[in-house]
């Protein structure tokens, strides 16, 4: 949604992750693991779902900060086009207000993950608050669906090594993105579609928000255009398979 800070824990982890970036401040650093690296380093056999992203040109469509009043239309579109998505759900005023939509997302085969409860910036709050942001959201999703999330996305993409350590204790991997349409700045659906299509490449994780007016109308065009270009839509876990997201790690194409 906004700018991202990245860095490292240790050289050994960096070698496995295969990616290293500096934070915006120049002092916050953390390592990231790409989908292709996750697929290579896994010792697990088999595939997640019906798509093998070691061979197919996969991309993951993700939506932050819902559910909202726009989500039913989005779910209709995804169902009609047979596209799975990963939803990073927000607790307050979203999960709490739309439990039926959370249940529908799970029932229709989408991956549900956390986006915290109050959208607090995790690098700005204390440990107790961070754990509360994780747990309240995951408790709510588990109560509604019977499945506890194993993925989360930090608000504004802001994280660091310490947040990763706390996420690991909660059994959570953090998922960032490489494609942003900045749909929070415009209601122009054609522009949102254009930005998504132009930035997408193999293994991309596309960030959208179903809380904004212009986003959902852009989704059919994004799906149709990328399918025409040979892309296959998968959930984030499918994108990493046969690897599996490891708690405490940060994933980004």
Protein backbone atom coordinates (compact mmCIF):
# COMPACT_ATOMS: atom_id res chain seq x y z
CA UNK A 1 0.00 0.00 0.00
CA UNK A 2 2.85 2.41 0.78
CA UNK A 3 6.64 2.23 0.92
CA UNK A 4 8.47 -0.83 2.19
CA UNK A 5 11.53 -1.26 4.36
CA UNK A 6 13.58 -4.43 4.11
CA UNK A 7 16.78 -5.85 5.60
CA UNK A 8 18.57 -8.89 7.04
CA UNK A 9 19.02 -11.09 10.07
CA UNK A 10 22.17 -13.02 9.25
CA UNK A 11 24.34 -14.03 6.31
CA UNK A 12 23.19 -17.64 6.47
CA UNK A 13 19.55 -16.63 6.25
CA UNK A 14 20.36 -14.23 3.46
CA UNK A 15 21.96 -16.98 1.41
CA UNK A 16 18.83 -19.08 1.71
CA UNK A 17 16.53 -16.17 1.02
CA UNK A 18 18.44 -14.92 -1.97
CA UNK A 19 17.41 -11.29 -1.51
CA UNK A 20 18.55 -8.29 0.52
CA UNK A 21 17.31 -4.73 0.59
CA UNK A 22 17.88 -1.54 2.55
CA UNK A 23 15.13 0.20 4.47
CA UNK A 24 13.97 3.71 3.71
CA UNK A 25 15.73 5.01 6.77
CA UNK A 26 19.04 3.44 5.75
CA UNK A 27 19.28 1.57 9.06
CA UNK A 28 16.35 -0.84 9.06
CA UNK A 29 17.20 -3.98 7.11
CA UNK A 30 15.65 -7.40 6.72
CA UNK A 31 15.91 -10.28 4.33
CA UNK A 32 13.23 -11.36 1.89
CA UNK A 33 12.61 -14.65 0.16
CA UNK A 34 11.29 -14.74 -3.40
CA UNK A 35 8.66 -17.25 -4.55
CA UNK A 36 11.16 -18.93 -6.88
CA UNK A 37 13.64 -19.33 -4.01
CA UNK A 38 10.91 -20.73 -1.76
CA UNK A 39 10.12 -23.34 -4.39
CA UNK A 40 13.78 -24.37 -4.72
CA UNK A 41 14.77 -24.64 -1.07
CA UNK A 42 11.79 -26.70 0.06
CA UNK A 43 12.29 -30.33 0.84
CA UNK A 44 8.58 -31.03 0.56
CA UNK A 45 7.27 -33.15 -2.28
CA UNK A 46 4.21 -32.62 -4.41
CA UNK A 47 2.23 -29.51 -5.33
CA UNK A 48 -0.27 -27.27 -3.62
CA UNK A 49 -3.47 -27.38 -5.65
CA UNK A 50 -3.59 -28.09 -9.36
CA UNK A 51 -0.98 -25.60 -10.66
CA UNK A 52 2.78 -26.20 -10.65
CA UNK A 53 4.34 -22.73 -10.55
CA UNK A 54 7.76 -24.19 -11.26
CA UNK A 55 6.47 -24.53 -14.81
CA UNK A 56 3.42 -22.26 -15.15
CA UNK A 57 3.62 -18.46 -15.36
CA UNK A 58 1.92 -17.82 -12.02
CA UNK A 59 0.82 -14.61 -10.31
CA UNK A 60 -1.03 -14.03 -7.06
CA UNK A 61 -3.92 -11.59 -6.77
CA UNK A 62 -4.16 -10.18 -3.24
CA UNK A 63 -6.58 -7.81 -1.54
CA UNK A 64 -5.91 -5.82 1.63
CA UNK A 65 -8.05 -4.31 4.37
CA UNK A 66 -11.40 -5.95 3.66
CA UNK A 67 -13.95 -7.30 3.74
CA UNK A 68 -16.20 -4.39 2.82
CA UNK A 69 -19.46 -3.63 1.06
CA UNK A 70 -17.55 -4.05 -2.23
CA UNK A 71 -16.48 -7.61 -1.45
CA UNK A 72 -19.65 -9.45 -2.58
CA UNK A 73 -19.24 -8.09 -6.11
CA UNK A 74 -15.54 -8.99 -6.06
CA UNK A 75 -16.32 -12.53 -4.94
CA UNK A 76 -18.88 -12.85 -7.74
CA UNK A 77 -16.23 -11.81 -10.27
CA UNK A 78 -13.61 -14.21 -8.90
CA UNK A 79 -16.12 -17.06 -8.90
CA UNK A 80 -17.25 -16.32 -12.45
CA UNK A 81 -13.67 -16.18 -13.74
CA UNK A 82 -12.51 -19.12 -11.61
CA UNK A 83 -9.70 -17.13 -10.00
CA UNK A 84 -8.52 -17.74 -6.42
CA UNK A 85 -7.26 -14.79 -4.38
CA UNK A 86 -5.50 -14.17 -1.09
CA UNK A 87 -7.33 -11.82 1.28
CA UNK A 88 -5.34 -10.00 3.97
CA UNK A 89 -8.22 -9.18 6.29
CA UNK A 90 -8.51 -6.26 8.67
CA UNK A 91 -10.21 -6.86 11.99
CA UNK A 92 -11.90 -3.73 13.32
CA UNK A 93 -14.84 -2.54 11.20
CA UNK A 94 -14.17 -5.28 8.63
CA UNK A 95 -14.03 -8.87 9.90
CA UNK A 96 -16.10 -7.73 12.84
CA UNK A 97 -18.74 -6.11 10.62
CA UNK A 98 -18.80 -8.66 7.77
CA UNK A 99 -18.40 -12.15 9.27
CA UNK A 100 -20.60 -13.62 6.53
CA UNK A 101 -18.16 -12.44 3.86
CA UNK A 102 -15.21 -13.98 5.69
CA UNK A 103 -17.08 -17.28 5.75
CA UNK A 104 -17.92 -16.95 2.06
CA UNK A 105 -14.28 -16.25 1.13
CA UNK A 106 -13.19 -19.41 2.89
CA UNK A 107 -16.05 -21.46 1.48
CA UNK A 108 -15.22 -20.41 -2.08
CA UNK A 109 -11.59 -21.49 -1.79
CA UNK A 110 -9.72 -18.26 -1.21
CA UNK A 111 -6.74 -17.98 1.14
CA UNK A 112 -7.43 -15.92 4.26
CA UNK A 113 -4.63 -14.07 6.02
CA UNK A 114 -4.22 -11.25 8.52
CA UNK A 115 -3.65 -7.52 8.04
CA UNK A 116 -3.80 -6.75 11.79
CA UNK A 117 -6.80 -5.62 13.81
CA UNK A 118 -6.46 -1.81 13.86
CA UNK A 119 -3.98 -1.24 11.00
CA UNK A 120 -1.36 0.00 13.44
CA UNK A 121 2.17 0.40 12.06
CA UNK A 122 3.92 -2.56 13.67
CA UNK A 123 7.35 -0.93 13.80
CA UNK A 124 5.90 1.92 15.88
CA UNK A 125 4.20 -0.05 18.68
CA UNK A 126 5.38 -2.24 21.56
CA UNK A 127 5.52 -6.03 21.69
CA UNK A 128 2.25 -6.44 23.56
CA UNK A 129 0.41 -4.37 21.00
CA UNK A 130 2.02 -6.22 18.08
CA UNK A 131 0.96 -9.58 19.50
CA UNK A 132 -2.56 -8.23 20.05
CA UNK A 133 -2.73 -7.01 16.44
CA UNK A 134 -1.79 -10.50 15.25
CA UNK A 135 -3.88 -12.55 17.64
CA UNK A 136 -7.20 -10.67 17.57
CA UNK A 137 -7.36 -10.93 13.80
CA UNK A 138 -6.32 -14.57 13.62
CA UNK A 139 -8.64 -15.55 16.46
CA UNK A 140 -11.56 -13.95 14.62
CA UNK A 141 -10.77 -15.69 11.32
CA UNK A 142 -10.28 -19.04 13.05
CA UNK A 143 -13.57 -18.70 14.92
CA UNK A 144 -15.44 -18.05 11.65
CA UNK A 145 -13.69 -20.56 9.39
CA UNK A 146 -12.11 -23.18 11.63
CA UNK A 147 -8.70 -22.44 10.10
CA UNK A 148 -6.06 -20.19 11.64
CA UNK A 149 -4.13 -17.96 9.23
CA UNK A 150 -0.44 -18.66 8.70
CA UNK A 151 0.20 -15.56 6.59
CA UNK A 152 -0.02 -11.84 7.36
CA UNK A 153 0.77 -8.54 5.69
CA UNK A 154 2.11 -5.66 7.80
CA UNK A 155 0.28 -2.35 7.33
CA UNK A 156 2.09 -0.17 4.77
CA UNK A 157 4.53 -3.05 4.33
CA UNK A 158 6.48 -1.78 7.32
CA UNK A 159 8.35 -4.47 9.18
CA UNK A 160 11.76 -5.29 10.64
CA UNK A 161 13.65 -8.15 12.24
CA UNK A 162 11.92 -7.73 15.58
CA UNK A 163 8.44 -7.83 14.04
CA UNK A 164 9.55 -10.96 12.19
CA UNK A 165 10.64 -12.58 15.46
CA UNK A 166 7.24 -11.89 17.02
CA UNK A 167 5.47 -13.12 13.89
CA UNK A 168 7.46 -16.34 14.06
CA UNK A 169 6.24 -16.94 17.61
CA UNK A 170 2.67 -16.60 16.32
CA UNK A 171 3.33 -19.01 13.45
CA UNK A 172 3.09 -16.28 10.81
CA UNK A 173 5.00 -15.54 7.62
CA UNK A 174 4.86 -12.00 6.23
CA UNK A 175 3.86 -11.46 2.60
CA UNK A 176 4.80 -8.27 0.75
CA UNK A 177 4.26 -7.44 -2.94
CA UNK A 178 5.90 -6.14 -6.09
CA UNK A 179 2.88 -4.75 -7.98
CA UNK A 180 0.95 -1.80 -6.59
CA UNK A 181 -1.72 0.12 -8.46
CA UNK A 182 -1.96 2.84 -5.80
CA UNK A 183 -5.70 2.31 -5.92
CA UNK A 184 -5.96 4.31 -2.71
CA UNK A 185 -5.15 7.45 -4.75
CA UNK A 186 -7.65 7.12 -7.61
CA UNK A 187 -11.16 5.97 -8.53
CA UNK A 188 -10.13 5.53 -12.18
CA UNK A 189 -10.65 1.81 -12.79
CA UNK A 190 -8.98 1.94 -16.22
CA UNK A 191 -5.86 3.43 -14.64
CA UNK A 192 -5.83 0.81 -11.90
CA UNK A 193 -6.06 -1.92 -14.54
CA UNK A 194 -3.28 -0.34 -16.62
CA UNK A 195 -0.93 -0.07 -13.66
CA UNK A 196 -1.53 -3.68 -12.62
CA UNK A 197 -1.00 -5.12 -16.09
CA UNK A 198 2.10 -3.07 -16.87
CA UNK A 199 3.92 -4.05 -13.67
CA UNK A 200 3.05 -7.74 -13.56
CA UNK A 201 5.65 -10.37 -14.36
CA UNK A 202 6.04 -14.04 -13.52
CA UNK A 203 5.73 -14.68 -9.75
CA UNK A 204 4.27 -11.23 -9.11
CA UNK A 205 2.17 -10.56 -6.04
CA UNK A 206 -0.40 -7.92 -6.99
CA UNK A 207 -1.63 -5.58 -4.24
CA UNK A 208 -5.21 -4.28 -4.48
CA UNK A 209 -7.81 -3.07 -1.96
CA UNK A 210 -11.48 -4.01 -2.25
CA UNK A 211 -12.33 -1.14 0.09
CA UNK A 212 -11.86 1.50 -2.61
CA UNK A 213 -14.52 2.48 -5.12
CA UNK A 214 -12.47 2.09 -8.29
CA UNK A 215 -10.78 -1.21 -7.53
CA UNK A 216 -13.39 -3.94 -7.97
CA UNK A 217 -14.54 -2.64 -11.41
CA UNK A 218 -10.89 -2.94 -12.53
CA UNK A 219 -10.55 -6.60 -11.56
CA UNK A 220 -12.26 -8.23 -14.59
CA UNK A 221 -9.97 -6.36 -16.98
CA UNK A 222 -6.88 -7.23 -14.94
CA UNK A 223 -7.79 -10.90 -14.95
CA UNK A 224 -8.74 -11.09 -18.62
CA UNK A 225 -5.69 -9.19 -19.87
CA UNK A 226 -3.21 -11.16 -17.79
CA UNK A 227 -4.82 -14.46 -18.78
CA UNK A 228 -4.42 -13.42 -22.43
CA UNK A 229 -0.72 -12.89 -21.70
CA UNK A 230 -0.44 -16.45 -20.42
CA UNK A 231 -0.56 -15.86 -16.68
CA UNK A 232 -2.20 -18.30 -14.26
CA UNK A 233 -3.75 -16.96 -11.06
CA UNK A 234 -2.96 -18.75 -7.80
CA UNK A 235 -3.09 -18.08 -4.07
CA UNK A 236 0.11 -17.09 -2.27
CA UNK A 237 0.63 -20.62 -0.84
CA UNK A 238 0.24 -22.04 -4.36
CA UNK A 239 2.78 -19.52 -5.64
CA UNK A 240 5.37 -20.83 -3.17
CA UNK A 241 4.61 -24.53 -3.66
CA UNK A 242 6.07 -27.10 -3.36
CA UNK A 243 7.72 -24.82 -0.82
CA UNK A 244 5.80 -23.59 2.17
CA UNK A 245 5.80 -20.18 3.82
CA UNK A 246 7.93 -20.39 6.96
CA UNK A 247 6.93 -18.51 10.08
CA UNK A 248 9.19 -15.54 10.74
CA UNK A 249 10.24 -15.08 7.13
CA UNK A 250 9.30 -12.23 4.80
CA UNK A 251 8.31 -13.10 1.22
CA UNK A 252 8.48 -10.73 -1.73
CA UNK A 253 9.00 -11.27 -5.50
